[in-house]
Amino acid sequence: MNVVILTGRLTAEPELRYTQQNVPCTSFNLAVDRASKGDDADFPTIIAWRETAEFACKYLYKGSRIVVRGEIRTRTYPGADGKNHKVTEVQADRLEFADSRPQGPFA
């Protein structure tokens, strides 16, 4: 089973883009604290499509604390250097607010 749930804060404003088939999409990094002691964090890339992408770009902003549910996806792509590069991302199917009260531009 491939299910991941992460809680963290956006590191930048999400930007809405469209594929050649006019499908909305966005990607952003999430600062996720590790369970171990210390100030360590991970910064996974989150990919969202269609309504989830539109929601992210309409309501989320840098610093938003959210919960992401999705799947781990790994893909390869050819780089400009002629080598194949491998990336691992989280494809989100659900985004939820995690702050106790709204903060930022919509408060």
PDB file of N, CA and C in Angstrom:
ATOM      1  N   MET A   1       0.839  -1.169   0.000  1.00  0.00           N
ATOM      2  CA  MET A   1       0.000   0.000   0.000  1.00  0.00           C
ATOM      3  C   MET A   1       0.888   1.237   0.000  1.00  0.00           C
ATOM      4  N   ASN A   2       0.581   2.191  -0.831  1.00  0.00           N
ATOM      5  CA  ASN A   2       1.371   3.404  -0.989  1.00  0.00           C
ATOM      6  C   ASN A   2       0.530   4.596  -0.538  1.00  0.00           C
ATOM      7  N   VAL A   3       0.611   4.944   0.747  1.00  0.00           N
ATOM      8  CA  VAL A   3      -0.103   6.088   1.303  1.00  0.00           C
ATOM      9  C   VAL A   3       0.860   6.846   2.203  1.00  0.00           C
ATOM     10  N   VAL A   4       0.901   8.155   2.027  1.00  0.00           N
ATOM     11  CA  VAL A   4       1.757   8.987   2.872  1.00  0.00           C
ATOM     12  C   VAL A   4       0.917  10.150   3.399  1.00  0.00           C
ATOM     13  N   ILE A   5       1.132  10.487   4.665  1.00  0.00           N
ATOM     14  CA  ILE A   5       0.487  11.645   5.285  1.00  0.00           C
ATOM     15  C   ILE A   5       1.582  12.477   5.927  1.00  0.00           C
ATOM     16  N   LEU A   6       1.648  13.747   5.549  1.00  0.00           N
ATOM     17  CA  LEU A   6       2.677  14.658   6.044  1.00  0.00           C
ATOM     18  C   LEU A   6       2.020  15.919   6.597  1.00  0.00           C
ATOM     19  N   THR A   7       2.615  16.467   7.639  1.00  0.00           N
ATOM     20  CA  THR A   7       2.200  17.759   8.169  1.00  0.00           C
ATOM     21  C   THR A   7       3.417  18.670   8.145  1.00  0.00           C
ATOM     22  N   GLY A   8       3.242  19.863   7.610  1.00  0.00           N
ATOM     23  CA  GLY A   8       4.351  20.800   7.538  1.00  0.00           C
ATOM     24  C   GLY A   8       3.913  22.152   7.037  1.00  0.00           C
ATOM     25  N   ARG A   9       4.890  22.989   6.735  1.00  0.00           N
ATOM     26  CA  ARG A   9       4.628  24.356   6.258  1.00  0.00           C
ATOM     27  C   ARG A   9       5.193  24.553   4.858  1.00  0.00           C
ATOM     28  N   LEU A  10       4.442  25.261   4.025  1.00  0.00           N
ATOM     29  CA  LEU A  10       4.903  25.570   2.679  1.00  0.00           C
ATOM     30  C   LEU A  10       6.130  26.464   2.749  1.00  0.00           C
ATOM     31  N   THR A  11       7.109  26.202   1.903  1.00  0.00           N
ATOM     32  CA  THR A  11       8.332  27.004   1.893  1.00  0.00           C
ATOM     33  C   THR A  11       8.259  28.159   0.901  1.00  0.00           C
ATOM     34  N   ALA A  12       7.219  28.180   0.046  1.00  0.00           N
ATOM     35  CA  ALA A  12       7.053  29.244  -0.943  1.00  0.00           C
ATOM     36  C   ALA A  12       5.595  29.263  -1.403  1.00  0.00           C
ATOM     37  N   GLU A  13       5.212  30.325  -2.081  1.00  0.00           N
ATOM     38  CA  GLU A  13       3.859  30.420  -2.625  1.00  0.00           C
ATOM     39  C   GLU A  13       3.682  29.401  -3.752  1.00  0.00           C
ATOM     40  N   PRO A  14       2.602  28.614  -3.748  1.00  0.00           N
ATOM     41  CA  PRO A  14       2.365  27.716  -4.883  1.00  0.00           C
ATOM     42  C   PRO A  14       1.928  28.524  -6.107  1.00  0.00           C
ATOM     43  N   GLU A  15       2.334  28.080  -7.292  1.00  0.00           N
ATOM     44  CA  GLU A  15       1.974  28.762  -8.534  1.00  0.00           C
ATOM     45  C   GLU A  15       1.222  27.790  -9.426  1.00  0.00           C
ATOM     46  N   LEU A  16       0.078  28.230  -9.933  1.00  0.00           N
ATOM     47  CA  LEU A  16      -0.739  27.393 -10.798  1.00  0.00           C
ATOM     48  C   LEU A  16      -0.176  27.398 -12.213  1.00  0.00           C
ATOM     49  N   ARG A  17      -0.004  26.205 -12.750  1.00  0.00           N
ATOM     50  CA  ARG A  17       0.439  26.031 -14.137  1.00  0.00           C
ATOM     51  C   ARG A  17      -0.570  25.136 -14.843  1.00  0.00           C
ATOM     52  N   TYR A  18      -0.456  25.056 -16.151  1.00  0.00           N
ATOM     53  CA  TYR A  18      -1.345  24.208 -16.932  1.00  0.00           C
ATOM     54  C   TYR A  18      -0.526  23.367 -17.899  1.00  0.00           C
ATOM     55  N   THR A  19      -0.937  22.110 -18.069  1.00  0.00           N
ATOM     56  CA  THR A  19      -0.283  21.242 -19.043  1.00  0.00           C
ATOM     57  C   THR A  19      -0.737  21.645 -20.440  1.00  0.00           C
ATOM     58  N   GLN A  20      -0.176  21.012 -21.463  1.00  0.00           N
ATOM     59  CA  GLN A  20      -0.591  21.285 -22.840  1.00  0.00           C
ATOM     60  C   GLN A  20      -2.046  20.897 -23.073  1.00  0.00           C
ATOM     61  N   GLN A  21      -2.563  19.990 -22.255  1.00  0.00           N
ATOM     62  CA  GLN A  21      -3.965  19.581 -22.346  1.00  0.00           C
ATOM     63  C   GLN A  21      -4.856  20.435 -21.444  1.00  0.00           C
ATOM     64  N   ASN A  22      -4.310  21.543 -20.913  1.00  0.00           N
ATOM     65  CA  ASN A  22      -5.008  22.509 -20.069  1.00  0.00           C
ATOM     66  C   ASN A  22      -5.438  21.931 -18.713  1.00  0.00           C
ATOM     67  N   VAL A  23      -4.642  21.014 -18.163  1.00  0.00           N
ATOM     68  CA  VAL A  23      -4.904  20.440 -16.846  1.00  0.00           C
ATOM     69  C   VAL A  23      -4.137  21.261 -15.812  1.00  0.00           C
ATOM     70  N   PRO A  24      -4.828  21.809 -14.796  1.00  0.00           N
ATOM     71  CA  PRO A  24      -4.134  22.599 -13.773  1.00  0.00           C
ATOM     72  C   PRO A  24      -3.211  21.724 -12.907  1.00  0.00           C
ATOM     73  N   CYS A  25      -2.049  22.273 -12.567  1.00  0.00           N
ATOM     74  CA  CYS A  25      -1.115  21.569 -11.700  1.00  0.00           C
ATOM     75  C   CYS A  25      -0.270  22.583 -10.937  1.00  0.00           C
ATOM     76  N   THR A  26       0.294  22.124  -9.833  1.00  0.00           N
ATOM     77  CA  THR A  26       1.215  22.941  -9.057  1.00  0.00           C
ATOM     78  C   THR A  26       2.169  22.020  -8.327  1.00  0.00           C
ATOM     79  N   SER A  27       3.280  22.570  -7.917  1.00  0.00           N
ATOM     80  CA  SER A  27       4.217  21.831  -7.071  1.00  0.00           C
ATOM     81  C   SER A  27       4.792  22.816  -6.054  1.00  0.00           C
ATOM     82  N   PHE A  28       5.086  22.287  -4.884  1.00  0.00           N
ATOM     83  CA  PHE A  28       5.677  23.115  -3.841  1.00  0.00           C
ATOM     84  C   PHE A  28       6.415  22.201  -2.874  1.00  0.00           C
ATOM     85  N   ASN A  29       7.303  22.803  -2.095  1.00  0.00           N
ATOM     86  CA  ASN A  29       8.024  22.041  -1.069  1.00  0.00           C
ATOM     87  C   ASN A  29       7.374  22.284   0.283  1.00  0.00           C
ATOM     88  N   LEU A  30       7.414  21.239   1.107  1.00  0.00           N
ATOM     89  CA  LEU A  30       6.825  21.286   2.427  1.00  0.00           C
ATOM     90  C   LEU A  30       7.930  21.047   3.452  1.00  0.00           C
ATOM     91  N   ALA A  31       8.064  21.939   4.414  1.00  0.00           N
ATOM     92  CA  ALA A  31       9.035  21.749   5.499  1.00  0.00           C
ATOM     93  C   ALA A  31       8.381  20.848   6.538  1.00  0.00           C
ATOM     94  N   VAL A  32       8.917  19.634   6.678  1.00  0.00           N
ATOM     95  CA  VAL A  32       8.347  18.629   7.583  1.00  0.00           C
ATOM     96  C   VAL A  32       9.386  18.309   8.652  1.00  0.00           C
ATOM     97  N   ASP A  33       9.047  18.598   9.911  1.00  0.00           N
ATOM     98  CA  ASP A  33       9.966  18.285  11.013  1.00  0.00           C
ATOM     99  C   ASP A  33      10.088  16.778  11.176  1.00  0.00           C
ATOM    100  N   ARG A  34      11.292  16.338  11.519  1.00  0.00           N
ATOM    101  CA  ARG A  34      11.517  14.925  11.814  1.00  0.00           C
ATOM    102  C   ARG A  34      11.078  14.626  13.241  1.00  0.00           C
ATOM    103  N   ALA A  35      10.757  13.366  13.494  1.00  0.00           N
ATOM    104  CA  ALA A  35      10.319  12.947  14.828  1.00  0.00           C
ATOM    105  C   ALA A  35      11.466  12.923  15.830  1.00  0.00           C
ATOM    106  N   SER A  36      12.697  12.835  15.322  1.00  0.00           N
ATOM    107  CA  SER A  36      13.855  12.779  16.218  1.00  0.00           C
ATOM    108  C   SER A  36      14.139  14.160  16.812  1.00  0.00           C
ATOM    109  N   LYS A  37      14.920  14.171  17.876  1.00  0.00           N
ATOM    110  CA  LYS A  37      15.272  15.436  18.516  1.00  0.00           C
ATOM    111  C   LYS A  37      16.183  16.250  17.598  1.00  0.00           C
ATOM    112  N   GLY A  38      16.166  17.535  17.797  1.00  0.00           N
ATOM    113  CA  GLY A  38      16.999  18.421  16.988  1.00  0.00           C
ATOM    114  C   GLY A  38      16.144  19.263  16.062  1.00  0.00           C
ATOM    115  N   ASP A  39      16.797  20.072  15.277  1.00  0.00           N
ATOM    116  CA  ASP A  39      16.095  20.974  14.371  1.00  0.00           C
ATOM    117  C   ASP A  39      16.049  20.444  12.946  1.00  0.00           C
ATOM    118  N   ASP A  40      16.175  19.137  12.793  1.00  0.00           N
ATOM    119  CA  ASP A  40      16.201  18.576  11.451  1.00  0.00           C
ATOM    120  C   ASP A  40      14.814  18.593  10.813  1.00  0.00           C
ATOM    121  N   ALA A  41      14.792  18.820   9.512  1.00  0.00           N
ATOM    122  CA  ALA A  41      13.547  18.799   8.749  1.00  0.00           C
ATOM    123  C   ALA A  41      13.846  18.228   7.375  1.00  0.00           C
ATOM    124  N   ASP A  42      12.808  17.729   6.736  1.00  0.00           N
ATOM    125  CA  ASP A  42      12.893  17.297   5.347  1.00  0.00           C
ATOM    126  C   ASP A  42      12.018  18.223   4.525  1.00  0.00           C
ATOM    127  N   PHE A  43      12.297  18.295   3.221  1.00  0.00           N
ATOM    128  CA  PHE A  43      11.594  19.215   2.341  1.00  0.00           C
ATOM    129  C   PHE A  43      11.104  18.489   1.088  1.00  0.00           C
ATOM    130  N   PRO A  44      10.131  17.583   1.244  1.00  0.00           N
ATOM    131  CA  PRO A  44       9.648  16.845   0.079  1.00  0.00           C
ATOM    132  C   PRO A  44       8.909  17.756  -0.898  1.00  0.00           C
ATOM    133  N   THR A  45       8.973  17.398  -2.173  1.00  0.00           N
ATOM    134  CA  THR A  45       8.221  18.093  -3.209  1.00  0.00           C
ATOM    135  C   THR A  45       6.831  17.480  -3.285  1.00  0.00           C
ATOM    136  N   ILE A  46       5.830  18.350  -3.247  1.00  0.00           N
ATOM    137  CA  ILE A  46       4.435  17.935  -3.319  1.00  0.00           C
ATOM    138  C   ILE A  46       3.912  18.342  -4.696  1.00  0.00           C
ATOM    139  N   ILE A  47       3.259  17.412  -5.386  1.00  0.00           N
ATOM    140  CA  ILE A  47       2.650  17.677  -6.685  1.00  0.00           C
ATOM    141  C   ILE A  47       1.139  17.570  -6.521  1.00  0.00           C
ATOM    142  N   ALA A  48       0.396  18.531  -7.046  1.00  0.00           N
ATOM    143  CA  ALA A  48      -1.067  18.483  -6.986  1.00  0.00           C
ATOM    144  C   ALA A  48      -1.629  18.758  -8.379  1.00  0.00           C
ATOM    145  N   TRP A  49      -2.733  18.104  -8.688  1.00  0.00           N
ATOM    146  CA  TRP A  49      -3.373  18.217  -9.999  1.00  0.00           C
ATOM    147  C   TRP A  49      -4.828  18.650  -9.852  1.00  0.00           C
ATOM    148  N   ARG A  50      -5.342  19.233 -10.889  1.00  0.00           N
ATOM    149  CA  ARG A  50      -6.747  19.578 -11.048  1.00  0.00           C
ATOM    150  C   ARG A  50      -7.282  20.399  -9.871  1.00  0.00           C
ATOM    151  N   GLU A  51      -8.411  19.979  -9.259  1.00  0.00           N
ATOM    152  CA  GLU A  51      -9.042  20.762  -8.191  1.00  0.00           C
ATOM    153  C   GLU A  51      -8.117  20.929  -6.982  1.00  0.00           C
ATOM    154  N   THR A  52      -7.308  19.925  -6.703  1.00  0.00           N
ATOM    155  CA  THR A  52      -6.379  20.021  -5.576  1.00  0.00           C
ATOM    156  C   THR A  52      -5.350  21.120  -5.830  1.00  0.00           C
ATOM    157  N   ALA A  53      -4.876  21.225  -7.063  1.00  0.00           N
ATOM    158  CA  ALA A  53      -3.924  22.280  -7.431  1.00  0.00           C
ATOM    159  C   ALA A  53      -4.580  23.653  -7.347  1.00  0.00           C
ATOM    160  N   GLU A  54      -5.808  23.752  -7.826  1.00  0.00           N
ATOM    161  CA  GLU A  54      -6.509  25.038  -7.772  1.00  0.00           C
ATOM    162  C   GLU A  54      -6.761  25.463  -6.319  1.00  0.00           C
ATOM    163  N   PHE A  55      -7.130  24.517  -5.454  1.00  0.00           N
ATOM    164  CA  PHE A  55      -7.316  24.809  -4.033  1.00  0.00           C
ATOM    165  C   PHE A  55      -6.017  25.334  -3.423  1.00  0.00           C
ATOM    166  N   ALA A  56      -4.903  24.634  -3.693  1.00  0.00           N
ATOM    167  CA  ALA A  56      -3.607  25.025  -3.132  1.00  0.00           C
ATOM    168  C   ALA A  56      -3.250  26.448  -3.529  1.00  0.00           C
ATOM    169  N   CYS A  57      -3.432  26.773  -4.785  1.00  0.00           N
ATOM    170  CA  CYS A  57      -3.027  28.094  -5.266  1.00  0.00           C
ATOM    171  C   CYS A  57      -3.976  29.203  -4.816  1.00  0.00           C
ATOM    172  N   LYS A  58      -5.221  28.847  -4.534  1.00  0.00           N
ATOM    173  CA  LYS A  58      -6.185  29.849  -4.098  1.00  0.00           C
ATOM    174  C   LYS A  58      -6.082  30.149  -2.604  1.00  0.00           C
ATOM    175  N   TYR A  59      -5.820  29.104  -1.783  1.00  0.00           N
ATOM    176  CA  TYR A  59      -5.916  29.276  -0.340  1.00  0.00           C
ATOM    177  C   TYR A  59      -4.619  29.131   0.441  1.00  0.00           C
ATOM    178  N   LEU A  60      -3.583  28.569  -0.152  1.00  0.00           N
ATOM    179  CA  LEU A  60      -2.343  28.338   0.583  1.00  0.00           C
ATOM    180  C   LEU A  60      -1.301  29.391   0.230  1.00  0.00           C
ATOM    181  N   TYR A  61      -0.408  29.640   1.146  1.00  0.00           N
ATOM    182  CA  TYR A  61       0.629  30.650   0.964  1.00  0.00           C
ATOM    183  C   TYR A  61       1.872  30.194   1.713  1.00  0.00           C
ATOM    184  N   LYS A  62       2.972  30.859   1.473  1.00  0.00           N
ATOM    185  CA  LYS A  62       4.213  30.536   2.169  1.00  0.00           C
ATOM    186  C   LYS A  62       3.970  30.594   3.674  1.00  0.00           C
ATOM    187  N   GLY A  63       4.352  29.516   4.369  1.00  0.00           N
ATOM    188  CA  GLY A  63       4.169  29.447   5.808  1.00  0.00           C
ATOM    189  C   GLY A  63       2.903  28.735   6.241  1.00  0.00           C
ATOM    190  N   SER A  64       1.975  28.474   5.316  1.00  0.00           N
ATOM    191  CA  SER A  64       0.753  27.748   5.676  1.00  0.00           C
ATOM    192  C   SER A  64       1.104  26.391   6.258  1.00  0.00           C
ATOM    193  N   ARG A  65       0.474  26.055   7.366  1.00  0.00           N
ATOM    194  CA  ARG A  65       0.648  24.728   7.964  1.00  0.00           C
ATOM    195  C   ARG A  65      -0.492  23.855   7.442  1.00  0.00           C
ATOM    196  N   ILE A  66      -0.129  22.761   6.771  1.00  0.00           N
ATOM    197  CA  ILE A  66      -1.130  21.913   6.147  1.00  0.00           C
ATOM    198  C   ILE A  66      -0.841  20.430   6.405  1.00  0.00           C
ATOM    199  N   VAL A  67      -1.853  19.621   6.143  1.00  0.00           N
ATOM    200  CA  VAL A  67      -1.727  18.170   6.123  1.00  0.00           C
ATOM    201  C   VAL A  67      -1.898  17.735   4.674  1.00  0.00           C
ATOM    202  N   VAL A  68      -0.976  16.914   4.205  1.00  0.00           N
ATOM    203  CA  VAL A  68      -1.012  16.402   2.834  1.00  0.00           C
ATOM    204  C   VAL A  68      -1.207  14.891   2.893  1.00  0.00           C
ATOM    205  N   ARG A  69      -2.161  14.398   2.126  1.00  0.00           N
ATOM    206  CA  ARG A  69      -2.301  12.951   1.959  1.00  0.00           C
ATOM    207  C   ARG A  69      -2.088  12.648   0.481  1.00  0.00           C
ATOM    208  N   GLY A  70      -1.313  11.604   0.209  1.00  0.00           N
ATOM    209  CA  GLY A  70      -1.050  11.255  -1.174  1.00  0.00           C
ATOM    210  C   GLY A  70      -0.262   9.979  -1.299  1.00  0.00           C
ATOM    211  N   GLU A  71       0.428   9.847  -2.426  1.00  0.00           N
ATOM    212  CA  GLU A  71       1.242   8.679  -2.732  1.00  0.00           C
ATOM    213  C   GLU A  71       2.656   9.109  -3.101  1.00  0.00           C
ATOM    214  N   ILE A  72       3.620   8.262  -2.763  1.00  0.00           N
ATOM    215  CA  ILE A  72       4.996   8.483  -3.195  1.00  0.00           C
ATOM    216  C   ILE A  72       5.076   8.085  -4.670  1.00  0.00           C
ATOM    217  N   ARG A  73       5.644   8.945  -5.485  1.00  0.00           N
ATOM    218  CA  ARG A  73       5.843   8.662  -6.911  1.00  0.00           C
ATOM    219  C   ARG A  73       7.306   8.882  -7.245  1.00  0.00           C
ATOM    220  N   THR A  74       7.877   7.961  -7.983  1.00  0.00           N
ATOM    221  CA  THR A  74       9.253   8.084  -8.457  1.00  0.00           C
ATOM    222  C   THR A  74       9.233   8.104  -9.972  1.00  0.00           C
ATOM    223  N   ARG A  75       9.982   9.024 -10.565  1.00  0.00           N
ATOM    224  CA  ARG A  75      10.048   9.112 -12.029  1.00  0.00           C
ATOM    225  C   ARG A  75      11.470   9.447 -12.448  1.00  0.00           C
ATOM    226  N   THR A  76      11.760   9.171 -13.690  1.00  0.00           N
ATOM    227  CA  THR A  76      13.055   9.535 -14.258  1.00  0.00           C
ATOM    228  C   THR A  76      12.817  10.451 -15.453  1.00  0.00           C
ATOM    229  N   TYR A  77      13.796  11.294 -15.709  1.00  0.00           N
ATOM    230  CA  TYR A  77      13.719  12.183 -16.866  1.00  0.00           C
ATOM    231  C   TYR A  77      15.132  12.417 -17.391  1.00  0.00           C
ATOM    232  N   PRO A  78      15.257  12.655 -18.705  1.00  0.00           N
ATOM    233  CA  PRO A  78      16.582  12.925 -19.270  1.00  0.00           C
ATOM    234  C   PRO A  78      17.008  14.356 -18.965  1.00  0.00           C
ATOM    235  N   GLY A  79      18.211  14.515 -18.460  1.00  0.00           N
ATOM    236  CA  GLY A  79      18.737  15.835 -18.143  1.00  0.00           C
ATOM    237  C   GLY A  79      19.473  16.451 -19.317  1.00  0.00           C
ATOM    238  N   ALA A  80      19.792  17.710 -19.193  1.00  0.00           N
ATOM    239  CA  ALA A  80      20.536  18.414 -20.236  1.00  0.00           C
ATOM    240  C   ALA A  80      21.930  17.827 -20.409  1.00  0.00           C
ATOM    241  N   ASP A  81      22.411  17.135 -19.356  1.00  0.00           N
ATOM    242  CA  ASP A  81      23.738  16.525 -19.411  1.00  0.00           C
ATOM    243  C   ASP A  81      23.722  15.164 -20.119  1.00  0.00           C
ATOM    244  N   GLY A  82      22.530  14.748 -20.608  1.00  0.00           N
ATOM    245  CA  GLY A  82      22.426  13.478 -21.305  1.00  0.00           C
ATOM    246  C   GLY A  82      22.202  12.280 -20.393  1.00  0.00           C
ATOM    247  N   LYS A  83      22.218  12.503 -19.088  1.00  0.00           N
ATOM    248  CA  LYS A  83      22.006  11.420 -18.129  1.00  0.00           C
ATOM    249  C   LYS A  83      20.555  11.412 -17.656  1.00  0.00           C
ATOM    250  N   ASN A  84      20.093  10.228 -17.254  1.00  0.00           N
ATOM    251  CA  ASN A  84      18.772  10.127 -16.662  1.00  0.00           C
ATOM    252  C   ASN A  84      18.846  10.515 -15.192  1.00  0.00           C
ATOM    253  N   HIS A  85      17.864  11.286 -14.749  1.00  0.00           N
ATOM    254  CA  HIS A  85      17.794  11.727 -13.362  1.00  0.00           C
ATOM    255  C   HIS A  85      16.534  11.145 -12.738  1.00  0.00           C
ATOM    256  N   LYS A  86      16.633  10.778 -11.466  1.00  0.00           N
ATOM    257  CA  LYS A  86      15.526  10.173 -10.755  1.00  0.00           C
ATOM    258  C   LYS A  86      15.056  11.118  -9.657  1.00  0.00           C
ATOM    259  N   VAL A  87      13.744  11.331  -9.577  1.00  0.00           N
ATOM    260  CA  VAL A  87      13.173  12.167  -8.521  1.00  0.00           C
ATOM    261  C   VAL A  87      12.059  11.403  -7.817  1.00  0.00           C
ATOM    262  N   THR A  88      11.906  11.696  -6.538  1.00  0.00           N
ATOM    263  CA  THR A  88      10.825  11.124  -5.751  1.00  0.00           C
ATOM    264  C   THR A  88       9.983  12.279  -5.231  1.00  0.00           C
ATOM    265  N   GLU A  89       8.670  12.186  -5.442  1.00  0.00           N
ATOM    266  CA  GLU A  89       7.751  13.253  -5.078  1.00  0.00           C
ATOM    267  C   GLU A  89       6.534  12.651  -4.384  1.00  0.00           C
ATOM    268  N   VAL A  90       5.753  13.499  -3.754  1.00  0.00           N
ATOM    269  CA  VAL A  90       4.476  13.084  -3.186  1.00  0.00           C
ATOM    270  C   VAL A  90       3.385  13.655  -4.070  1.00  0.00           C
ATOM    271  N   GLN A  91       2.565  12.775  -4.653  1.00  0.00           N
ATOM    272  CA  GLN A  91       1.431  13.237  -5.442  1.00  0.00           C
ATOM    273  C   GLN A  91       0.234  13.338  -4.509  1.00  0.00           C
ATOM    274  N   ALA A  92      -0.186  14.568  -4.227  1.00  0.00           N
ATOM    275  CA  ALA A  92      -1.232  14.831  -3.239  1.00  0.00           C
ATOM    276  C   ALA A  92      -2.608  14.574  -3.834  1.00  0.00           C
ATOM    277  N   ASP A  93      -3.452  13.900  -3.061  1.00  0.00           N
ATOM    278  CA  ASP A  93      -4.850  13.783  -3.455  1.00  0.00           C
ATOM    279  C   ASP A  93      -5.760  14.518  -2.480  1.00  0.00           C
ATOM    280  N   ARG A  94      -5.163  14.991  -1.361  1.00  0.00           N
ATOM    281  CA  ARG A  94      -5.941  15.757  -0.385  1.00  0.00           C
ATOM    282  C   ARG A  94      -5.034  16.715   0.382  1.00  0.00           C
ATOM    283  N   LEU A  95      -5.499  17.953   0.547  1.00  0.00           N
ATOM    284  CA  LEU A  95      -4.795  18.973   1.322  1.00  0.00           C
ATOM    285  C   LEU A  95      -5.773  19.523   2.353  1.00  0.00           C
ATOM    286  N   GLU A  96      -5.307  19.677   3.588  1.00  0.00           N
ATOM    287  CA  GLU A  96      -6.153  20.235   4.647  1.00  0.00           C
ATOM    288  C   GLU A  96      -5.373  21.271   5.440  1.00  0.00           C
ATOM    289  N   PHE A  97      -6.088  22.279   5.930  1.00  0.00           N
ATOM    290  CA  PHE A  97      -5.478  23.268   6.808  1.00  0.00           C
ATOM    291  C   PHE A  97      -5.125  22.608   8.134  1.00  0.00           C
ATOM    292  N   ALA A  98      -3.982  22.967   8.721  1.00  0.00           N
ATOM    293  CA  ALA A  98      -3.585  22.429  10.003  1.00  0.00           C
ATOM    294  C   ALA A  98      -3.422  23.498  11.067  1.00  0.00           C
ATOM    295  N   ASP A  99      -3.526  24.774  10.702  1.00  0.00           N
ATOM    296  CA  ASP A  99      -3.451  25.849  11.689  1.00  0.00           C
ATOM    297  C   ASP A  99      -4.747  25.887  12.480  1.00  0.00           C
ATOM    298  N   SER A 100      -4.667  26.271  13.734  1.00  0.00           N
ATOM    299  CA  SER A 100      -5.856  26.328  14.572  1.00  0.00           C
ATOM    300  C   SER A 100      -6.781  27.460  14.155  1.00  0.00           C
ATOM    301  N   ARG A 101      -6.214  28.491  13.586  1.00  0.00           N
ATOM    302  CA  ARG A 101      -7.033  29.601  13.062  1.00  0.00           C
ATOM    303  C   ARG A 101      -6.315  30.170  11.853  1.00  0.00           C
ATOM    304  N   PRO A 102      -7.053  30.735  10.909  1.00  0.00           N
ATOM    305  CA  PRO A 102      -6.414  31.271   9.700  1.00  0.00           C
ATOM    306  C   PRO A 102      -5.389  32.351  10.020  1.00  0.00           C
ATOM    307  N   GLN A 103      -4.297  32.318   9.288  1.00  0.00           N
ATOM    308  CA  GLN A 103      -3.267  33.333   9.392  1.00  0.00           C
ATOM    309  C   GLN A 103      -2.890  33.735   7.986  1.00  0.00           C
ATOM    310  N   GLY A 104      -2.255  34.861   7.833  1.00  0.00           N
ATOM    311  CA  GLY A 104      -1.813  35.277   6.514  1.00  0.00           C
ATOM    312  C   GLY A 104      -2.819  36.145   5.802  1.00  0.00           C
ATOM    313  N   PRO A 105      -2.778  36.162   4.472  1.00  0.00           N
ATOM    314  CA  PRO A 105      -3.546  37.137   3.704  1.00  0.00           C
ATOM    315  C   PRO A 105      -5.061  36.943   3.771  1.00  0.00           C
ATOM    316  N   PHE A 106      -5.566  35.764   4.170  1.00  0.00           N
ATOM    317  CA  PHE A 106      -6.996  35.528   4.188  1.00  0.00           C
ATOM    318  C   PHE A 106      -7.599  35.602   5.584  1.00  0.00           C
ATOM    319  N   ALA A 107      -6.789  35.971   6.569  1.00  0.00           N
ATOM    320  CA  ALA A 107      -7.276  36.009   7.966  1.00  0.00           C
ATOM    321  C   ALA A 107      -8.209  37.168   8.187  1.00  0.00           C
TER     322      ALA A 107
END
